[in-house]
Structures are given as C-alpha cells and as structure tokens.
Amino acid sequence: MSETLRRKKLKRREFIKGAAGLLSMAAFGCRSDTIDSLLQKNLRLMTKPELKETLARLERQYRAKYDTNIKVYSTPPKESTLFGYGLDLSKCIGCRRCVYACVHENNQSRGSGDRRHNMPIHWIRVLEMDKSRGIDFLEANPYYDHNEVPRKGHFYMPIQCQQCENPPCVKVCPVKATWKELDGIVVVDYNWCIGCRYCMIACPYGARHFNWTEPYLPHGQINTNTHLLGNRPRYQGTVEKCTFCIQRVRLGRYPACVEICPVGARKFGNILDPASEIRYLMENKRVFVLKEELNTAPKFYYFYGT
C-alpha cells in the first residue's frame, strides 16, 4: 500500500470516528458550544428562543477566542424600507478612506506577516481610470499608489457589493446560505456557508471574498458591536461581502464609508421614501448602474453631480 493511500484511509477513519463521536454526544445530551455550532439551523429557520441562544453562544465563543466582549445583534429589517446607495463620480478623489473605514467597521482580516497565506480583505475596490478613455475596466488601475490624489487627467470609481434586486449569487448557492433581506441587503449566513465559492463566480462585480486562512484581527482593533448577518468575526473557509453596514443602517446610521468620505461623494438612504436624498438623486441626476444589461438591478447608483 502506498504512503499516500495509507494517509487517505487514516484521514477517512479519523473523520468517521469524529462524526460518530459528535452524533453520540448529541444523542445522549452531552452538548457543547462547538457541537451546537456544527448542528446550527439556517438562520431563517430558527425560532426566537433558538436565535437568542445562538447569539449568546456566539458571544461566548468570541469572548474566549478574542479575549474581549463582542456583542452580536440580530436587528431585523424595518418595514417600508429599501436601501439604496449613490456615488458621485465627479467628486470622488480616490483617497481610499472608505476602504479602510470599511475594514475597521466590519472586522475584515488585516492579514498577517506572511502575505502569501493571509492577505488583507477589502470589500471596497477603488479603480483609477483615464479621463480620456472614460469608464474602461480593462485599463483601470486598482493598485495605484500616488503621493497625492486625485492624479491629473484621471478619475476614480469605487466598486463594492451592488446589493442587486435580482442577485445571481443567491441563485447558485447550493445550501441557501445567502439571500436578499426585505430591506434589499444581500446577506450571508456564515455558519451555513460551505465555501464552495459558486457565489463568487456568479457575481459579475467581483464583490465577494473568500477567507483562505484564519482571519487576522489584531487585539484591540475589533469592532465589538456586531450583527449576526454582518460584521461579526467570520471563519476560515467562508465567503463574505459588503452589507451596507447592516449593523449601522438598521439603527438609523449611515454606512462607515459614507460617514468617512471627505468630499461627500457617497450618499445613502431609503429608496421608498420620496423625501430621501437617494430618491432625489435617482430622479434628478444622470444615474447609471454597472452592467445593466445583465438584469441584476443593482441598488448601487453612480451619478455625476456636476
């Protein structure tokens, strides 16, 4: 028997023994937080008591792992609310403050010293484009590094999750770990995500990101106010994405990237509210969406304010 085949058989035996152990412990009432995590229902199928216990269990696990008290909320969507986002391309200066505000707010992995194995994760990409060419993704530069921005003759186009009304990522998930909420935010159940990355392939905007390794969150740099479907610390082997800062907007606050923008290029609000700023922009500015021909119906609108 070859060494490779022997190792495969050993791993299979270890898996079977481990699975049998978990089943027997569950059957005889010997439950732990680890087992409960493995047996956790899809969030949409939980009763209120089950949801309450899940939140408490996650808080215990995060406290043990990160040595800090992390609160996990499950604030539901508000009635008569459909969130929309606007970005003024005539104002954006490419400073990337939105990128780093998003990282700190949403507990994205900062990366470790070995960049080959643990790259930082950014939910927002800012593309530098040549004004003479217009919007040209083939020639766009996401890695620009200048002492001063904006660079003469160029403009900047941030891209993140478009929160599609008809999201292709949701359709391809084989375990229903991602879905669109009533307020239009596309979310991920991190405990149910199996890391198949079908959603990443289906997304035409490159807005989903995979945790190849254990996310690196430096001590003292964790946002401790988190949402079950948003910025709580994620796991290795799961997919994550922008949620319009669900932990903030469902409490009446702006997303972190909107608050940090120094030139007011980012707008946010309730599309269903005729008096909201985002509704005014949609009705009075030159608004467009990315890849309109795909019929994904994004709720992320680009416009030229001047």
Protein backbone atom coordinates (compact mmCIF):
# COMPACT_ATOMS: atom_id res chain seq x y z
CA MET A 1 0.00 0.00 0.00
CA SER A 2 1.39 3.39 -0.99
CA GLU A 3 2.05 6.04 1.67
CA THR A 4 -0.44 8.43 0.03
CA LEU A 5 -3.24 5.83 0.04
CA ARG A 6 -2.49 4.90 3.66
CA ARG A 7 -2.78 8.55 4.75
CA LYS A 8 -6.08 8.96 2.90
CA LYS A 9 -7.51 5.90 4.66
CA LEU A 10 -6.35 7.19 8.04
CA LYS A 11 -7.96 10.59 7.43
CA ARG A 12 -11.21 8.91 6.42
CA ARG A 13 -11.17 6.77 9.59
CA GLU A 14 -10.50 9.86 11.71
CA PHE A 15 -13.40 11.69 10.08
CA ILE A 16 -15.80 8.76 10.62
CA LYS A 17 -14.72 8.37 14.25
CA GLY A 18 -15.10 12.11 14.86
CA ALA A 19 -18.55 12.23 13.25
CA ALA A 20 -19.68 9.21 15.24
CA GLY A 21 -18.46 10.84 18.42
CA LEU A 22 -20.37 14.03 17.76
CA LEU A 23 -23.56 12.10 16.98
CA SER A 24 -23.32 10.02 20.14
CA MET A 25 -22.65 13.08 22.31
CA ALA A 26 -25.64 14.88 20.77
CA ALA A 27 -27.86 11.81 21.21
CA PHE A 28 -27.05 11.46 24.93
CA GLY A 29 -27.46 15.14 25.70
CA CYS A 30 -23.77 15.95 26.11
CA ARG A 31 -23.74 19.17 24.12
CA SER A 32 -21.10 21.86 23.81
CA ASP A 33 -20.90 25.21 22.02
CA THR A 34 -18.77 23.55 19.33
CA ILE A 35 -21.35 20.85 18.68
CA ASP A 36 -24.17 23.40 18.71
CA SER A 37 -22.27 25.41 16.09
CA LEU A 38 -21.99 22.34 13.85
CA LEU A 39 -25.68 21.50 14.29
CA GLN A 40 -26.93 25.09 13.99
CA LYS A 41 -30.01 25.62 11.81
CA ASN A 42 -30.16 28.04 8.93
CA LEU A 43 -30.91 31.43 10.47
CA ARG A 44 -34.15 31.78 8.54
CA LEU A 45 -35.49 28.60 10.12
CA MET A 46 -34.73 29.45 13.74
CA THR A 47 -37.36 30.13 16.38
CA LYS A 48 -36.91 33.18 18.61
CA PRO A 49 -35.57 31.08 21.53
CA GLU A 50 -33.11 29.33 19.19
CA LEU A 51 -31.96 32.66 17.81
CA LYS A 52 -31.46 34.05 21.32
CA GLU A 53 -29.36 31.03 22.32
CA THR A 54 -27.33 31.31 19.11
CA LEU A 55 -26.47 34.93 19.84
CA ALA A 56 -25.41 34.05 23.39
CA ARG A 57 -23.31 31.12 22.19
CA LEU A 58 -21.52 33.23 19.58
CA GLU A 59 -20.73 35.87 22.18
CA ARG A 60 -19.24 33.20 24.46
CA GLN A 61 -17.14 31.79 21.62
CA TYR A 62 -15.87 35.21 20.54
CA ARG A 63 -15.04 36.15 24.14
CA ALA A 64 -12.93 33.01 24.51
CA LYS A 65 -11.22 33.44 21.14
CA TYR A 66 -10.53 37.19 21.09
CA ASP A 67 -10.41 37.92 24.84
CA THR A 68 -12.91 40.76 24.52
CA ASN A 69 -16.67 41.18 24.89
CA ILE A 70 -18.22 41.17 21.42
CA LYS A 71 -21.95 41.84 21.23
CA VAL A 72 -23.87 40.11 18.45
CA TYR A 73 -27.23 41.59 17.49
CA SER A 74 -29.92 40.40 15.09
CA THR A 75 -31.68 43.69 14.33
CA PRO A 76 -34.40 42.87 11.74
CA PRO A 77 -35.24 44.96 8.65
CA LYS A 78 -37.65 47.86 9.04
CA GLU A 79 -40.95 47.96 7.22
CA SER A 80 -41.29 50.17 4.12
CA THR A 81 -37.52 50.36 3.75
CA LEU A 82 -35.42 49.55 0.71
CA PHE A 83 -31.85 50.78 0.99
CA GLY A 84 -30.09 52.43 -1.93
CA TYR A 85 -26.60 53.84 -2.39
CA GLY A 86 -25.37 56.68 -4.56
CA LEU A 87 -21.81 57.57 -5.56
CA ASP A 88 -20.86 60.86 -7.22
CA LEU A 89 -18.05 60.11 -9.68
CA SER A 90 -17.45 63.81 -10.24
CA LYS A 91 -16.46 64.21 -6.56
CA CYS A 92 -14.57 61.01 -5.65
CA ILE A 93 -10.83 61.78 -5.28
CA GLY A 94 -9.56 58.23 -4.83
CA CYS A 95 -8.27 58.75 -1.26
CA ARG A 96 -9.35 55.23 -0.23
CA ARG A 97 -10.52 56.40 3.20
CA CYS A 98 -13.73 54.50 2.53
CA VAL A 99 -11.74 51.28 2.07
CA TYR A 100 -10.04 51.47 5.46
CA ALA A 101 -13.11 52.75 7.33
CA CYS A 102 -14.93 49.70 5.98
CA VAL A 103 -12.13 47.38 7.16
CA HIS A 104 -12.22 48.69 10.74
CA GLU A 105 -16.02 48.83 10.95
CA ASN A 106 -16.64 45.38 9.50
CA ASN A 107 -13.85 43.34 11.11
CA GLN A 108 -12.15 42.31 7.89
CA SER A 109 -8.91 40.38 8.14
CA ARG A 110 -5.90 42.70 8.30
CA GLY A 111 -3.58 39.98 7.03
CA SER A 112 -0.58 38.54 8.83
CA GLY A 113 3.15 39.00 8.38
CA ASP A 114 3.18 36.24 5.76
CA ARG A 115 1.18 37.84 2.95
CA ARG A 116 1.30 34.65 0.87
CA HIS A 117 -1.05 32.91 3.25
CA ASN A 118 -3.17 35.63 4.82
CA MET A 119 -3.92 38.57 2.58
CA PRO A 120 -5.90 41.56 3.88
CA ILE A 121 -9.53 41.58 2.73
CA HIS A 122 -11.08 44.74 1.31
CA TRP A 123 -14.78 44.84 0.47
CA ILE A 124 -14.31 48.09 -1.48
CA ARG A 125 -12.02 48.41 -4.51
CA VAL A 126 -11.19 51.84 -5.93
CA LEU A 127 -10.27 51.91 -9.62
CA GLU A 128 -8.23 54.71 -11.17
CA MET A 129 -9.28 55.48 -14.75
CA ASP A 130 -8.00 57.76 -17.50
CA LYS A 131 -10.45 60.59 -18.21
CA SER A 132 -9.66 60.46 -21.92
CA ARG A 133 -10.79 56.81 -22.09
CA GLY A 134 -13.86 57.12 -19.86
CA ILE A 135 -15.08 54.08 -17.91
CA ASP A 136 -12.76 51.34 -19.16
CA PHE A 137 -12.41 48.39 -16.80
CA LEU A 138 -9.75 46.69 -18.92
CA GLU A 139 -7.41 49.66 -18.49
CA ALA A 140 -8.41 50.54 -14.89
CA ASN A 141 -5.73 50.50 -12.21
CA PRO A 142 -6.78 49.18 -8.77
CA TYR A 143 -3.20 49.31 -7.44
CA TYR A 144 -2.42 52.99 -7.91
CA ASP A 145 -0.10 54.46 -5.30
CA HIS A 146 0.46 58.20 -5.50
CA ASN A 147 1.64 60.79 -3.01
CA GLU A 148 -1.32 62.95 -3.95
CA VAL A 149 -4.78 62.22 -5.29
CA PRO A 150 -6.60 62.89 -7.46
CA ARG A 151 -3.97 62.48 -10.17
CA LYS A 152 -4.30 64.92 -13.05
CA GLY A 153 -6.20 63.51 -16.01
CA HIS A 154 -7.74 60.68 -14.01
CA PHE A 155 -10.94 59.89 -12.12
CA TYR A 156 -11.81 57.24 -9.55
CA MET A 157 -14.55 54.61 -9.39
CA PRO A 158 -15.11 52.64 -6.15
CA ILE A 159 -16.79 49.25 -6.53
CA GLN A 160 -18.36 47.07 -3.84
CA CYS A 161 -21.40 44.81 -3.49
CA GLN A 162 -24.16 46.27 -5.63
CA GLN A 163 -26.93 44.75 -3.45
CA CYS A 164 -28.77 43.52 -6.54
CA GLU A 165 -32.53 43.23 -6.53
CA ASN A 166 -32.06 40.14 -8.69
CA PRO A 167 -28.80 38.74 -7.24
CA PRO A 168 -27.21 35.91 -9.27
CA CYS A 169 -25.08 34.94 -6.25
CA VAL A 170 -28.20 33.91 -4.33
CA LYS A 171 -29.45 31.67 -7.12
CA VAL A 172 -26.34 29.49 -7.27
CA CYS A 173 -25.79 28.83 -3.55
CA PRO A 174 -26.36 25.07 -3.10
CA VAL A 175 -27.10 25.33 0.65
CA LYS A 176 -29.12 28.57 0.70
CA ALA A 177 -26.53 30.30 2.85
CA THR A 178 -27.08 33.66 1.15
CA TRP A 179 -30.28 35.55 0.45
CA LYS A 180 -31.81 39.02 -0.03
CA GLU A 181 -33.45 40.57 3.03
CA LEU A 182 -36.68 42.61 2.89
CA ASP A 183 -34.74 45.89 3.02
CA GLY A 184 -32.75 44.83 -0.04
CA ILE A 185 -29.49 43.86 1.67
CA VAL A 186 -27.95 40.62 0.41
CA VAL A 187 -26.57 38.71 3.41
CA VAL A 188 -24.58 35.56 4.20
CA ASP A 189 -25.17 33.04 6.98
CA TYR A 190 -21.51 32.36 7.84
CA ASN A 191 -22.34 29.20 9.80
CA TRP A 192 -24.05 27.66 6.79
CA CYS A 193 -21.59 28.77 4.12
CA ILE A 194 -19.62 25.73 2.88
CA GLY A 195 -17.02 27.76 0.98
CA CYS A 196 -17.83 26.34 -2.46
CA ARG A 197 -17.37 29.84 -3.96
CA TYR A 198 -20.14 29.40 -6.54
CA CYS A 199 -21.45 32.82 -5.47
CA MET A 200 -18.07 34.39 -6.21
CA ILE A 201 -18.15 33.02 -9.74
CA ALA A 202 -21.75 34.14 -10.25
CA CYS A 203 -21.17 37.72 -9.03
CA PRO A 204 -20.43 39.91 -12.07
CA TYR A 205 -18.93 42.65 -9.86
CA GLY A 206 -16.22 40.68 -8.04
CA ALA A 207 -17.77 41.76 -4.75
CA ARG A 208 -17.45 38.53 -2.74
CA HIS A 209 -14.32 37.50 -0.89
CA PHE A 210 -13.07 34.18 0.47
CA ASN A 211 -11.22 33.63 3.73
CA TRP A 212 -8.42 31.29 2.71
CA THR A 213 -6.95 31.27 6.21
CA GLU A 214 -7.99 32.13 9.73
CA PRO A 215 -8.84 35.87 9.60
CA TYR A 216 -6.27 38.01 11.38
CA LEU A 217 -7.89 40.54 13.72
CA PRO A 218 -5.30 42.32 15.92
CA HIS A 219 -6.18 42.58 19.60
CA GLY A 220 -7.73 45.94 20.40
CA GLN A 221 -8.77 46.57 16.78
CA ILE A 222 -12.03 44.62 16.76
CA ASN A 223 -15.35 46.40 16.42
CA THR A 224 -17.27 44.82 19.30
CA ASN A 225 -20.74 45.95 18.13
CA THR A 226 -21.66 43.38 15.51
CA HIS A 227 -24.60 41.96 13.60
CA LEU A 228 -25.32 38.28 13.12
CA LEU A 229 -25.52 38.76 9.33
CA GLY A 230 -22.91 41.45 9.04
CA ASN A 231 -19.66 42.38 10.72
CA ARG A 232 -19.26 39.66 13.34
CA PRO A 233 -15.89 37.87 13.01
CA ARG A 234 -16.01 35.36 10.18
CA TYR A 235 -14.47 31.90 9.84
CA GLN A 236 -11.77 30.43 7.66
CA GLY A 237 -13.24 28.93 4.50
CA THR A 238 -16.28 31.19 4.21
CA VAL A 239 -17.33 33.91 1.78
CA GLU A 240 -18.02 37.46 2.95
CA LYS A 241 -19.14 40.76 1.40
CA CYS A 242 -20.38 44.31 1.93
CA THR A 243 -23.76 44.53 3.67
CA PHE A 244 -24.19 48.34 3.56
CA CYS A 245 -23.00 48.15 7.21
CA ILE A 246 -26.17 46.33 8.25
CA GLN A 247 -25.24 46.78 11.91
CA ARG A 248 -25.42 50.55 11.44
CA VAL A 249 -28.12 51.25 8.86
CA ARG A 250 -30.80 49.21 10.64
CA LEU A 251 -30.28 51.52 13.61
CA GLY A 252 -30.71 54.66 11.51
CA ARG A 253 -27.00 55.38 10.95
CA TYR A 254 -25.02 55.80 7.73
CA PRO A 255 -22.56 53.16 6.48
CA ALA A 256 -18.99 53.80 7.66
CA CYS A 257 -17.81 54.59 4.12
CA VAL A 258 -20.47 57.30 3.77
CA GLU A 259 -19.50 58.94 7.05
CA ILE A 260 -15.77 58.96 6.31
CA CYS A 261 -15.87 60.36 2.76
CA PRO A 262 -14.13 63.78 2.96
CA VAL A 263 -15.79 65.19 -0.17
CA GLY A 264 -19.37 63.94 0.28
CA ALA A 265 -19.24 61.70 -2.78
CA ARG A 266 -21.25 58.91 -1.12
CA LYS A 267 -24.99 59.07 -0.48
CA PHE A 268 -27.31 56.62 1.24
CA GLY A 269 -30.97 56.31 2.11
CA ASN A 270 -34.38 54.69 1.73
CA ILE A 271 -35.43 54.42 -1.92
CA LEU A 272 -39.08 54.09 -0.86
CA ASP A 273 -39.02 57.45 0.93
CA PRO A 274 -39.91 60.24 -1.58
CA ALA A 275 -38.16 62.79 0.67
CA SER A 276 -34.85 60.90 0.93
CA GLU A 277 -31.66 62.15 -0.68
CA ILE A 278 -31.10 58.92 -2.61
CA ARG A 279 -34.58 59.19 -4.15
CA TYR A 280 -33.88 62.80 -5.19
CA LEU A 281 -30.63 61.75 -6.84
CA MET A 282 -32.32 58.94 -8.75
CA GLU A 283 -34.95 61.31 -10.09
CA ASN A 284 -32.81 64.36 -10.82
CA LYS A 285 -29.26 63.25 -11.66
CA ARG A 286 -27.63 61.33 -14.51
CA VAL A 287 -27.77 57.98 -12.75
CA PHE A 288 -26.49 54.66 -14.10
CA VAL A 289 -25.77 51.16 -12.76
CA LEU A 290 -23.00 48.75 -13.63
CA LYS A 291 -23.67 46.04 -16.21
CA GLU A 292 -27.30 47.00 -16.63
CA GLU A 293 -27.63 44.50 -19.48
CA LEU A 294 -27.35 41.59 -17.02
CA ASN A 295 -30.69 42.48 -15.39
CA THR A 296 -29.27 42.19 -11.87
CA ALA A 297 -30.97 45.50 -10.96
CA PRO A 298 -28.30 46.91 -8.60
CA LYS A 299 -29.32 49.29 -5.82
CA PHE A 300 -25.92 50.97 -6.06
CA TYR A 301 -26.21 54.03 -8.31
CA TYR A 302 -23.41 56.01 -9.90
CA PHE A 303 -24.05 59.58 -10.98
CA TYR A 304 -22.37 62.84 -11.98
CA GLY A 305 -23.33 65.63 -9.62
CA THR A 306 -21.60 68.34 -11.69
